[in-house]
Amino acid sequence: GPRKCIGNRFALMETKIVIAHLLQRFTLKATEKTVEPIVFT
């Protein structure tokens, strides 16, 4: 609606570009401290 988040395009853009650059340089892996499925605080 009219009060939809005004910054959604910005948030999506900054998220996608950093994920893209991370995937270019790194492989993301789970560790012993990774909890799956996630338990929320």
PDB file of all heavy atoms in Angstrom:
ATOM      1  N   GLY A   1       0.808  -1.219   0.000  1.00  0.00           N
ATOM      2  CA  GLY A   1       0.000   0.000   0.000  1.00  0.00           C
ATOM      3  C   GLY A   1       0.836   1.261   0.000  1.00  0.00           C
ATOM      4  O   GLY A   1       2.067   1.225  -0.167  1.00  0.00           O
ATOM      5  N   PRO A   2       0.184   2.405   0.199  1.00  0.00           N
ATOM      6  CA  PRO A   2       0.886   3.701   0.140  1.00  0.00           C
ATOM      7  C   PRO A   2       2.029   3.832   1.134  1.00  0.00           C
ATOM      8  O   PRO A   2       2.978   4.571   0.893  1.00  0.00           O
ATOM      9  CB  PRO A   2      -0.228   4.727   0.446  1.00  0.00           C
ATOM     10  CG  PRO A   2      -1.502   4.017   0.147  1.00  0.00           C
ATOM     11  CD  PRO A   2      -1.264   2.578   0.453  1.00  0.00           C
ATOM     12  N   ARG A   3       1.947   3.114   2.246  1.00  0.00           N
ATOM     13  CA  ARG A   3       3.000   3.222   3.265  1.00  0.00           C
ATOM     14  C   ARG A   3       3.997   2.065   3.188  1.00  0.00           C
ATOM     15  O   ARG A   3       4.724   1.782   4.143  1.00  0.00           O
ATOM     16  CB  ARG A   3       2.384   3.310   4.666  1.00  0.00           C
ATOM     17  CG  ARG A   3       1.587   4.599   4.861  1.00  0.00           C
ATOM     18  CD  ARG A   3       1.155   4.807   6.303  1.00  0.00           C
ATOM     19  NE  ARG A   3       2.258   5.239   7.132  1.00  0.00           N
ATOM     20  CZ  ARG A   3       2.277   6.350   7.868  1.00  0.00           C
ATOM     21  NH1 ARG A   3       1.244   7.173   7.840  1.00  0.00           N
ATOM     22  NH2 ARG A   3       3.314   6.649   8.609  1.00  0.00           N
ATOM     23  N   LYS A   4       4.060   1.426   2.040  1.00  0.00           N
ATOM     24  CA  LYS A   4       5.073   0.392   1.823  1.00  0.00           C
ATOM     25  C   LYS A   4       6.461   0.999   2.031  1.00  0.00           C
ATOM     26  O   LYS A   4       6.680   2.185   1.738  1.00  0.00           O
ATOM     27  CB  LYS A   4       4.954  -0.160   0.397  1.00  0.00           C
ATOM     28  CG  LYS A   4       5.951  -1.247   0.053  1.00  0.00           C
ATOM     29  CD  LYS A   4       5.738  -1.754  -1.372  1.00  0.00           C
ATOM     30  CE  LYS A   4       6.747  -2.839  -1.719  1.00  0.00           C
ATOM     31  NZ  LYS A   4       6.556  -3.365  -3.089  1.00  0.00           N
ATOM     32  N   CYS A   5       7.396   0.214   2.545  1.00  0.00           N
ATOM     33  CA  CYS A   5       8.745   0.711   2.838  1.00  0.00           C
ATOM     34  C   CYS A   5       9.321   1.480   1.655  1.00  0.00           C
ATOM     35  O   CYS A   5       9.462   0.939   0.561  1.00  0.00           O
ATOM     36  CB  CYS A   5       9.661  -0.452   3.196  1.00  0.00           C
ATOM     37  SG  CYS A   5      11.388   0.034   3.424  1.00  0.00           S
ATOM     38  N   ILE A   6       9.674   2.732   1.908  1.00  0.00           N
ATOM     39  CA  ILE A   6      10.152   3.610   0.841  1.00  0.00           C
ATOM     40  C   ILE A   6      11.558   3.219   0.382  1.00  0.00           C
ATOM     41  O   ILE A   6      11.954   3.495  -0.758  1.00  0.00           O
ATOM     42  CB  ILE A   6      10.121   5.082   1.318  1.00  0.00           C
ATOM     43  CG1 ILE A   6      10.266   6.041   0.141  1.00  0.00           C
ATOM     44  CG2 ILE A   6      11.188   5.338   2.367  1.00  0.00           C
ATOM     45  CD1 ILE A   6      10.039   7.492   0.517  1.00  0.00           C
ATOM     46  N   GLY A   7      12.306   2.536   1.241  1.00  0.00           N
ATOM     47  CA  GLY A   7      13.695   2.226   0.915  1.00  0.00           C
ATOM     48  C   GLY A   7      13.922   0.800   0.438  1.00  0.00           C
ATOM     49  O   GLY A   7      15.062   0.327   0.439  1.00  0.00           O
ATOM     50  N   ASN A   8      12.854   0.110   0.000  1.00  0.00           N
ATOM     51  CA  ASN A   8      13.019  -1.313  -0.333  1.00  0.00           C
ATOM     52  C   ASN A   8      13.982  -1.534  -1.500  1.00  0.00           C
ATOM     53  O   ASN A   8      14.764  -2.480  -1.492  1.00  0.00           O
ATOM     54  CB  ASN A   8      11.657  -1.966  -0.601  1.00  0.00           C
ATOM     55  CG  ASN A   8      10.985  -1.477  -1.870  1.00  0.00           C
ATOM     56  OD1 ASN A   8      11.191  -1.990  -2.953  1.00  0.00           O
ATOM     57  ND2 ASN A   8      10.146  -0.472  -1.738  1.00  0.00           N
ATOM     58  N   ARG A   9      13.968  -0.660  -2.511  1.00  0.00           N
ATOM     59  CA  ARG A   9      14.897  -0.815  -3.642  1.00  0.00           C
ATOM     60  C   ARG A   9      16.345  -0.681  -3.179  1.00  0.00           C
ATOM     61  O   ARG A   9      17.231  -1.422  -3.620  1.00  0.00           O
ATOM     62  CB  ARG A   9      14.620   0.245  -4.707  1.00  0.00           C
ATOM     63  CG  ARG A   9      13.467  -0.064  -5.631  1.00  0.00           C
ATOM     64  CD  ARG A   9      13.286   1.095  -6.587  1.00  0.00           C
ATOM     65  NE  ARG A   9      12.307   0.829  -7.608  1.00  0.00           N
ATOM     66  CZ  ARG A   9      11.718   1.774  -8.338  1.00  0.00           C
ATOM     67  NH1 ARG A   9      12.019   3.044  -8.129  1.00  0.00           N
ATOM     68  NH2 ARG A   9      10.839   1.459  -9.266  1.00  0.00           N
ATOM     69  N   PHE A  10      16.563   0.273  -2.297  1.00  0.00           N
ATOM     70  CA  PHE A  10      17.915   0.503  -1.781  1.00  0.00           C
ATOM     71  C   PHE A  10      18.399  -0.711  -0.996  1.00  0.00           C
ATOM     72  O   PHE A  10      19.536  -1.179  -1.181  1.00  0.00           O
ATOM     73  CB  PHE A  10      17.906   1.747  -0.892  1.00  0.00           C
ATOM     74  CG  PHE A  10      19.266   2.193  -0.437  1.00  0.00           C
ATOM     75  CD1 PHE A  10      19.984   3.109  -1.179  1.00  0.00           C
ATOM     76  CD2 PHE A  10      19.828   1.701   0.732  1.00  0.00           C
ATOM     77  CE1 PHE A  10      21.249   3.524  -0.766  1.00  0.00           C
ATOM     78  CE2 PHE A  10      21.081   2.109   1.153  1.00  0.00           C
ATOM     79  CZ  PHE A  10      21.794   3.021   0.395  1.00  0.00           C
ATOM     80  N   ALA A  11      17.535  -1.247  -0.125  1.00  0.00           N
ATOM     81  CA  ALA A  11      17.898  -2.402   0.692  1.00  0.00           C
ATOM     82  C   ALA A  11      18.222  -3.616  -0.181  1.00  0.00           C
ATOM     83  O   ALA A  11      19.193  -4.341   0.073  1.00  0.00           O
ATOM     84  CB  ALA A  11      16.766  -2.745   1.658  1.00  0.00           C
ATOM     85  N   LEU A  12      17.431  -3.835  -1.210  1.00  0.00           N
ATOM     86  CA  LEU A  12      17.663  -4.966  -2.102  1.00  0.00           C
ATOM     87  C   LEU A  12      18.979  -4.796  -2.866  1.00  0.00           C
ATOM     88  O   LEU A  12      19.742  -5.756  -3.030  1.00  0.00           O
ATOM     89  CB  LEU A  12      16.498  -5.106  -3.087  1.00  0.00           C
ATOM     90  CG  LEU A  12      15.168  -5.569  -2.479  1.00  0.00           C
ATOM     91  CD1 LEU A  12      14.046  -5.493  -3.515  1.00  0.00           C
ATOM     92  CD2 LEU A  12      15.276  -6.989  -1.931  1.00  0.00           C
ATOM     93  N   MET A  13      19.242  -3.580  -3.314  1.00  0.00           N
ATOM     94  CA  MET A  13      20.448  -3.332  -4.090  1.00  0.00           C
ATOM     95  C   MET A  13      21.704  -3.537  -3.240  1.00  0.00           C
ATOM     96  O   MET A  13      22.657  -4.198  -3.676  1.00  0.00           O
ATOM     97  CB  MET A  13      20.422  -1.918  -4.682  1.00  0.00           C
ATOM     98  CG  MET A  13      21.596  -1.599  -5.602  1.00  0.00           C
ATOM     99  SD  MET A  13      21.366  -0.053  -6.529  1.00  0.00           S
ATOM    100  CE  MET A  13      21.482   1.162  -5.196  1.00  0.00           C
ATOM    101  N   GLU A  14      21.726  -2.989  -2.030  1.00  0.00           N
ATOM    102  CA  GLU A  14      22.930  -3.131  -1.206  1.00  0.00           C
ATOM    103  C   GLU A  14      23.128  -4.577  -0.756  1.00  0.00           C
ATOM    104  O   GLU A  14      24.271  -5.026  -0.563  1.00  0.00           O
ATOM    105  CB  GLU A  14      22.897  -2.184  -0.003  1.00  0.00           C
ATOM    106  CG  GLU A  14      21.846  -2.471   1.036  1.00  0.00           C
ATOM    107  CD  GLU A  14      21.994  -1.604   2.276  1.00  0.00           C
ATOM    108  OE1 GLU A  14      23.126  -1.254   2.638  1.00  0.00           O
ATOM    109  OE2 GLU A  14      20.958  -1.282   2.895  1.00  0.00           O
ATOM    110  N   THR A  15      22.035  -5.322  -0.611  1.00  0.00           N
ATOM    111  CA  THR A  15      22.145  -6.738  -0.244  1.00  0.00           C
ATOM    112  C   THR A  15      22.683  -7.565  -1.407  1.00  0.00           C
ATOM    113  O   THR A  15      23.629  -8.353  -1.258  1.00  0.00           O
ATOM    114  CB  THR A  15      20.771  -7.285   0.195  1.00  0.00           C
ATOM    115  OG1 THR A  15      20.327  -6.576   1.348  1.00  0.00           O
ATOM    116  CG2 THR A  15      20.853  -8.777   0.511  1.00  0.00           C
ATOM    117  N   LYS A  16      22.112  -7.383  -2.583  1.00  0.00           N
ATOM    118  CA  LYS A  16      22.503  -8.200  -3.737  1.00  0.00           C
ATOM    119  C   LYS A  16      23.949  -7.957  -4.146  1.00  0.00           C
ATOM    120  O   LYS A  16      24.680  -8.901  -4.487  1.00  0.00           O
ATOM    121  CB  LYS A  16      21.565  -7.903  -4.917  1.00  0.00           C
ATOM    122  CG  LYS A  16      20.149  -8.412  -4.712  1.00  0.00           C
ATOM    123  CD  LYS A  16      19.240  -8.007  -5.876  1.00  0.00           C
ATOM    124  CE  LYS A  16      17.824  -8.493  -5.680  1.00  0.00           C
ATOM    125  NZ  LYS A  16      16.935  -8.093  -6.797  1.00  0.00           N
ATOM    126  N   ILE A  17      24.411  -6.704  -4.112  1.00  0.00           N
ATOM    127  CA  ILE A  17      25.775  -6.419  -4.575  1.00  0.00           C
ATOM    128  C   ILE A  17      26.815  -7.023  -3.629  1.00  0.00           C
ATOM    129  O   ILE A  17      27.826  -7.566  -4.069  1.00  0.00           O
ATOM    130  CB  ILE A  17      26.002  -4.894  -4.773  1.00  0.00           C
ATOM    131  CG1 ILE A  17      27.342  -4.634  -5.465  1.00  0.00           C
ATOM    132  CG2 ILE A  17      25.911  -4.136  -3.474  1.00  0.00           C
ATOM    133  CD1 ILE A  17      27.450  -5.208  -6.852  1.00  0.00           C
ATOM    134  N   VAL A  18      26.561  -6.989  -2.318  1.00  0.00           N
ATOM    135  CA  VAL A  18      27.556  -7.549  -1.397  1.00  0.00           C
ATOM    136  C   VAL A  18      27.542  -9.082  -1.448  1.00  0.00           C
ATOM    137  O   VAL A  18      28.605  -9.723  -1.347  1.00  0.00           O
ATOM    138  CB  VAL A  18      27.361  -7.019   0.044  1.00  0.00           C
ATOM    139  CG1 VAL A  18      26.190  -7.697   0.755  1.00  0.00           C
ATOM    140  CG2 VAL A  18      28.644  -7.194   0.861  1.00  0.00           C
ATOM    141  N   ILE A  19      26.383  -9.685  -1.633  1.00  0.00           N
ATOM    142  CA  ILE A  19      26.317 -11.148  -1.769  1.00  0.00           C
ATOM    143  C   ILE A  19      27.033 -11.580  -3.046  1.00  0.00           C
ATOM    144  O   ILE A  19      27.778 -12.570  -3.065  1.00  0.00           O
ATOM    145  CB  ILE A  19      24.856 -11.629  -1.774  1.00  0.00           C
ATOM    146  CG1 ILE A  19      24.195 -11.380  -0.410  1.00  0.00           C
ATOM    147  CG2 ILE A  19      24.773 -13.106  -2.148  1.00  0.00           C
ATOM    148  CD1 ILE A  19      24.819 -12.112   0.756  1.00  0.00           C
ATOM    149  N   ALA A  20      26.849 -10.818  -4.121  1.00  0.00           N
ATOM    150  CA  ALA A  20      27.524 -11.131  -5.387  1.00  0.00           C
ATOM    151  C   ALA A  20      29.037 -11.080  -5.227  1.00  0.00           C
ATOM    152  O   ALA A  20      29.768 -11.988  -5.662  1.00  0.00           O
ATOM    153  CB  ALA A  20      27.066 -10.170  -6.482  1.00  0.00           C
ATOM    154  N   HIS A  21      29.556 -10.030  -4.582  1.00  0.00           N
ATOM    155  CA  HIS A  21      30.997  -9.897  -4.403  1.00  0.00           C
ATOM    156  C   HIS A  21      31.554 -10.964  -3.458  1.00  0.00           C
ATOM    157  O   HIS A  21      32.671 -11.454  -3.649  1.00  0.00           O
ATOM    158  CB  HIS A  21      31.339  -8.501  -3.897  1.00  0.00           C
ATOM    159  CG  HIS A  21      31.237  -7.448  -4.950  1.00  0.00           C
ATOM    160  ND1 HIS A  21      30.857  -6.143  -4.683  1.00  0.00           N
ATOM    161  CD2 HIS A  21      31.436  -7.501  -6.285  1.00  0.00           C
ATOM    162  CE1 HIS A  21      30.850  -5.437  -5.808  1.00  0.00           C
ATOM    163  NE2 HIS A  21      31.196  -6.250  -6.789  1.00  0.00           N
ATOM    164  N   LEU A  22      30.776 -11.343  -2.444  1.00  0.00           N
ATOM    165  CA  LEU A  22      31.217 -12.409  -1.542  1.00  0.00           C
ATOM    166  C   LEU A  22      31.316 -13.739  -2.275  1.00  0.00           C
ATOM    167  O   LEU A  22      32.292 -14.485  -2.102  1.00  0.00           O
ATOM    168  CB  LEU A  22      30.238 -12.541  -0.362  1.00  0.00           C
ATOM    169  CG  LEU A  22      30.435 -11.594   0.819  1.00  0.00           C
ATOM    170  CD1 LEU A  22      29.285 -11.744   1.800  1.00  0.00           C
ATOM    171  CD2 LEU A  22      31.767 -11.862   1.533  1.00  0.00           C
ATOM    172  N   LEU A  23      30.326 -14.054  -3.115  1.00  0.00           N
ATOM    173  CA  LEU A  23      30.330 -15.320  -3.841  1.00  0.00           C
ATOM    174  C   LEU A  23      31.458 -15.378  -4.870  1.00  0.00           C
ATOM    175  O   LEU A  23      31.964 -16.454  -5.185  1.00  0.00           O
ATOM    176  CB  LEU A  23      28.984 -15.543  -4.526  1.00  0.00           C
ATOM    177  CG  LEU A  23      27.801 -15.828  -3.597  1.00  0.00           C
ATOM    178  CD1 LEU A  23      26.515 -15.955  -4.394  1.00  0.00           C
ATOM    179  CD2 LEU A  23      28.036 -17.088  -2.777  1.00  0.00           C
ATOM    180  N   GLN A  24      31.843 -14.215  -5.369  1.00  0.00           N
ATOM    181  CA  GLN A  24      32.957 -14.162  -6.311  1.00  0.00           C
ATOM    182  C   GLN A  24      34.269 -14.574  -5.637  1.00  0.00           C
ATOM    183  O   GLN A  24      35.080 -15.284  -6.233  1.00  0.00           O
ATOM    184  CB  GLN A  24      33.091 -12.742  -6.882  1.00  0.00           C
ATOM    185  CG  GLN A  24      34.259 -12.567  -7.837  1.00  0.00           C
ATOM    186  CD  GLN A  24      34.517 -11.107  -8.179  1.00  0.00           C
ATOM    187  OE1 GLN A  24      33.958 -10.197  -7.543  1.00  0.00           O
ATOM    188  NE2 GLN A  24      35.335 -10.873  -9.189  1.00  0.00           N
ATOM    189  N   ARG A  25      34.444 -14.180  -4.381  1.00  0.00           N
ATOM    190  CA  ARG A  25      35.742 -14.368  -3.709  1.00  0.00           C
ATOM    191  C   ARG A  25      35.759 -15.516  -2.691  1.00  0.00           C
ATOM    192  O   ARG A  25      36.839 -15.986  -2.330  1.00  0.00           O
ATOM    193  CB  ARG A  25      36.144 -13.066  -2.994  1.00  0.00           C
ATOM    194  CG  ARG A  25      36.124 -11.824  -3.871  1.00  0.00           C
ATOM    195  CD  ARG A  25      37.152 -11.858  -4.987  1.00  0.00           C
ATOM    196  NE  ARG A  25      38.511 -11.836  -4.509  1.00  0.00           N
ATOM    197  CZ  ARG A  25      39.174 -10.713  -4.201  1.00  0.00           C
ATOM    198  NH1 ARG A  25      38.571  -9.524  -4.313  1.00  0.00           N
ATOM    199  NH2 ARG A  25      40.421 -10.760  -3.793  1.00  0.00           N
ATOM    200  N   PHE A  26      34.575 -15.912  -2.206  1.00  0.00           N
ATOM    201  CA  PHE A  26      34.536 -16.896  -1.125  1.00  0.00           C
ATOM    202  C   PHE A  26      33.503 -17.997  -1.388  1.00  0.00           C
ATOM    203  O   PHE A  26      32.527 -17.785  -2.104  1.00  0.00           O
ATOM    204  CB  PHE A  26      34.160 -16.231   0.207  1.00  0.00           C
ATOM    205  CG  PHE A  26      35.182 -15.286   0.757  1.00  0.00           C
ATOM    206  CD1 PHE A  26      35.028 -13.910   0.599  1.00  0.00           C
ATOM    207  CD2 PHE A  26      36.287 -15.762   1.456  1.00  0.00           C
ATOM    208  CE1 PHE A  26      35.961 -13.027   1.112  1.00  0.00           C
ATOM    209  CE2 PHE A  26      37.226 -14.880   1.979  1.00  0.00           C
ATOM    210  CZ  PHE A  26      37.072 -13.511   1.807  1.00  0.00           C
ATOM    211  N   THR A  27      33.742 -19.143  -0.745  1.00  0.00           N
ATOM    212  CA  THR A  27      32.714 -20.166  -0.599  1.00  0.00           C
ATOM    213  C   THR A  27      32.180 -20.053   0.824  1.00  0.00           C
ATOM    214  O   THR A  27      32.961 -20.028   1.786  1.00  0.00           O
ATOM    215  CB  THR A  27      33.284 -21.576  -0.829  1.00  0.00           C
ATOM    216  OG1 THR A  27      33.771 -21.664  -2.168  1.00  0.00           O
ATOM    217  CG2 THR A  27      32.217 -22.634  -0.610  1.00  0.00           C
ATOM    218  N   LEU A  28      30.864 -19.969   0.968  1.00  0.00           N
ATOM    219  CA  LEU A  28      30.229 -19.833   2.273  1.00  0.00           C
ATOM    220  C   LEU A  28      29.934 -21.226   2.813  1.00  0.00           C
ATOM    221  O   LEU A  28      29.302 -22.044   2.123  1.00  0.00           O
ATOM    222  CB  LEU A  28      28.936 -19.024   2.174  1.00  0.00           C
ATOM    223  CG  LEU A  28      29.051 -17.496   2.057  1.00  0.00           C
ATOM    224  CD1 LEU A  28      29.871 -17.060   0.857  1.00  0.00           C
ATOM    225  CD2 LEU A  28      27.658 -16.859   2.012  1.00  0.00           C
ATOM    226  N   LYS A  29      30.407 -21.510   4.036  1.00  0.00           N
ATOM    227  CA  LYS A  29      30.239 -22.843   4.617  1.00  0.00           C
ATOM    228  C   LYS A  29      29.676 -22.754   6.038  1.00  0.00           C
ATOM    229  O   LYS A  29      29.903 -21.769   6.749  1.00  0.00           O
ATOM    230  CB  LYS A  29      31.582 -23.573   4.662  1.00  0.00           C
ATOM    231  CG  LYS A  29      32.156 -23.916   3.300  1.00  0.00           C
ATOM    232  CD  LYS A  29      33.421 -24.745   3.446  1.00  0.00           C
ATOM    233  CE  LYS A  29      33.932 -25.235   2.096  1.00  0.00           C
ATOM    234  NZ  LYS A  29      35.139 -26.091   2.238  1.00  0.00           N
ATOM    235  N   ALA A  30      28.953 -23.800   6.414  1.00  0.00           N
ATOM    236  CA  ALA A  30      28.488 -23.915   7.795  1.00  0.00           C
ATOM    237  C   ALA A  30      29.658 -24.324   8.687  1.00  0.00           C
ATOM    238  O   ALA A  30      30.612 -24.965   8.231  1.00  0.00           O
ATOM    239  CB  ALA A  30      27.366 -24.935   7.884  1.00  0.00           C
ATOM    240  N   THR A  31      29.592 -23.955   9.952  1.00  0.00           N
ATOM    241  CA  THR A  31      30.618 -24.332  10.927  1.00  0.00           C
ATOM    242  C   THR A  31      29.953 -25.036  12.108  1.00  0.00           C
ATOM    243  O   THR A  31      28.729 -25.202  12.139  1.00  0.00           O
ATOM    244  CB  THR A  31      31.376 -23.096  11.455  1.00  0.00           C
ATOM    245  OG1 THR A  31      30.505 -22.349  12.335  1.00  0.00           O
ATOM    246  CG2 THR A  31      31.820 -22.193  10.322  1.00  0.00           C
ATOM    247  N   GLU A  32      30.758 -25.407  13.087  1.00  0.00           N
ATOM    248  CA  GLU A  32      30.211 -26.042  14.290  1.00  0.00           C
ATOM    249  C   GLU A  32      29.259 -25.106  15.031  1.00  0.00           C
ATOM    250  O   GLU A  32      28.360 -25.565  15.742  1.00  0.00           O
ATOM    251  CB  GLU A  32      31.355 -26.458  15.232  1.00  0.00           C
ATOM    252  CG  GLU A  32      32.206 -27.610  14.696  1.00  0.00           C
ATOM    253  CD  GLU A  32      33.311 -27.983  15.649  1.00  0.00           C
ATOM    254  OE1 GLU A  32      33.433 -27.318  16.704  1.00  0.00           O
ATOM    255  OE2 GLU A  32      34.051 -28.939  15.360  1.00  0.00           O
ATOM    256  N   LYS A  33      29.456 -23.809  14.860  1.00  0.00           N
ATOM    257  CA  LYS A  33      28.610 -22.834  15.562  1.00  0.00           C
ATOM    258  C   LYS A  33      27.361 -22.456  14.766  1.00  0.00           C
ATOM    259  O   LYS A  33      26.525 -21.711  15.265  1.00  0.00           O
ATOM    260  CB  LYS A  33      29.433 -21.571  15.885  1.00  0.00           C
ATOM    261  CG  LYS A  33      30.614 -21.846  16.798  1.00  0.00           C
ATOM    262  CD  LYS A  33      31.424 -20.596  17.083  1.00  0.00           C
ATOM    263  CE  LYS A  33      30.775 -19.702  18.103  1.00  0.00           C
ATOM    264  NZ  LYS A  33      31.657 -18.602  18.547  1.00  0.00           N
ATOM    265  N   THR A  34      27.253 -22.950  13.536  1.00  0.00           N
ATOM    266  CA  THR A  34      26.068 -22.676  12.731  1.00  0.00           C
ATOM    267  C   THR A  34      24.916 -23.540  13.230  1.00  0.00           C
ATOM    268  O   THR A  34      25.044 -24.767  13.307  1.00  0.00           O
ATOM    269  CB  THR A  34      26.316 -22.993  11.238  1.00  0.00           C
ATOM    270  OG1 THR A  34      27.466 -22.280  10.790  1.00  0.00           O
ATOM    271  CG2 THR A  34      25.114 -22.601  10.400  1.00  0.00           C
ATOM    272  N   VAL A  35      23.798 -22.912  13.581  1.00  0.00           N
ATOM    273  CA  VAL A  35      22.630 -23.650  14.071  1.00  0.00           C
ATOM    274  C   VAL A  35      21.593 -23.736  12.951  1.00  0.00           C
ATOM    275  O   VAL A  35      21.144 -22.716  12.418  1.00  0.00           O
ATOM    276  CB  VAL A  35      22.006 -22.960  15.304  1.00  0.00           C
ATOM    277  CG1 VAL A  35      20.756 -23.717  15.759  1.00  0.00           C
ATOM    278  CG2 VAL A  35      23.018 -22.869  16.430  1.00  0.00           C
ATOM    279  N   GLU A  36      21.248 -24.962  12.576  1.00  0.00           N
ATOM    280  CA  GLU A  36      20.264 -25.196  11.515  1.00  0.00           C
ATOM    281  C   GLU A  36      19.381 -26.380  11.901  1.00  0.00           C
ATOM    282  O   GLU A  36      19.898 -27.468  12.145  1.00  0.00           O
ATOM    283  CB  GLU A  36      20.971 -25.460  10.177  1.00  0.00           C
ATOM    284  CG  GLU A  36      20.086 -25.830   9.029  1.00  0.00           C
ATOM    285  CD  GLU A  36      19.048 -24.787   8.661  1.00  0.00           C
ATOM    286  OE1 GLU A  36      19.260 -23.594   8.946  1.00  0.00           O
ATOM    287  OE2 GLU A  36      18.029 -25.175   8.071  1.00  0.00           O
ATOM    288  N   PRO A  37      18.059 -26.236  12.032  1.00  0.00           N
ATOM    289  CA  PRO A  37      17.324 -24.998  11.754  1.00  0.00           C
ATOM    290  C   PRO A  37      17.557 -23.945  12.837  1.00  0.00           C
ATOM    291  O   PRO A  37      17.889 -24.276  13.982  1.00  0.00           O
ATOM    292  CB  PRO A  37      15.867 -25.467  11.736  1.00  0.00           C
ATOM    293  CG  PRO A  37      15.849 -26.676  12.613  1.00  0.00           C
ATOM    294  CD  PRO A  37      17.158 -27.356  12.393  1.00  0.00           C
ATOM    295  N   ILE A  38      17.371 -22.703  12.448  1.00  0.00           N
ATOM    296  CA  ILE A  38      17.614 -21.575  13.339  1.00  0.00           C
ATOM    297  C   ILE A  38      16.635 -21.577  14.507  1.00  0.00           C
ATOM    298  O   ILE A  38      15.443 -21.843  14.337  1.00  0.00           O
ATOM    299  CB  ILE A  38      17.508 -20.241  12.560  1.00  0.00           C
ATOM    300  CG1 ILE A  38      18.728 -20.066  11.647  1.00  0.00           C
ATOM    301  CG2 ILE A  38      17.376 -19.050  13.502  1.00  0.00           C
ATOM    302  CD1 ILE A  38      18.659 -18.852  10.756  1.00  0.00           C
ATOM    303  N   VAL A  39      17.151 -21.305  15.696  1.00  0.00           N
ATOM    304  CA  VAL A  39      16.323 -21.104  16.883  1.00  0.00           C
ATOM    305  C   VAL A  39      16.366 -19.620  17.215  1.00  0.00           C
ATOM    306  O   VAL A  39      17.441 -19.057  17.458  1.00  0.00           O
ATOM    307  CB  VAL A  39      16.850 -21.927  18.079  1.00  0.00           C
ATOM    308  CG1 VAL A  39      15.991 -21.671  19.316  1.00  0.00           C
ATOM    309  CG2 VAL A  39      16.864 -23.415  17.737  1.00  0.00           C
ATOM    310  N   PHE A  40      15.210 -18.965  17.206  1.00  0.00           N
ATOM    311  CA  PHE A  40      15.173 -17.513  17.389  1.00  0.00           C
ATOM    312  C   PHE A  40      15.222 -17.129  18.865  1.00  0.00           C
ATOM    313  O   PHE A  40      14.594 -17.768  19.712  1.00  0.00           O
ATOM    314  CB  PHE A  40      13.903 -16.916  16.767  1.00  0.00           C
ATOM    315  CG  PHE A  40      13.812 -17.095  15.281  1.00  0.00           C
ATOM    316  CD1 PHE A  40      12.786 -17.839  14.712  1.00  0.00           C
ATOM    317  CD2 PHE A  40      14.751 -16.520  14.444  1.00  0.00           C
ATOM    318  CE1 PHE A  40      12.704 -18.009  13.342  1.00  0.00           C
ATOM    319  CE2 PHE A  40      14.680 -16.679  13.071  1.00  0.00           C
ATOM    320  CZ  PHE A  40      13.655 -17.435  12.521  1.00  0.00           C
ATOM    321  N   THR A  41      15.963 -16.068  19.150  1.00  0.00           N
ATOM    322  CA  THR A  41      15.973 -15.510  20.499  1.00  0.00           C
ATOM    323  C   THR A  41      14.661 -14.780  20.767  1.00  0.00           C
ATOM    324  O   THR A  41      14.060 -14.214  19.851  1.00  0.00           O
ATOM    325  CB  THR A  41      17.165 -14.549  20.694  1.00  0.00           C
ATOM    326  OG1 THR A  41      17.101 -14.004  22.024  1.00  0.00           O
ATOM    327  CG2 THR A  41      17.130 -13.398  19.707  1.00  0.00           C
TER     328      THR A  41
END
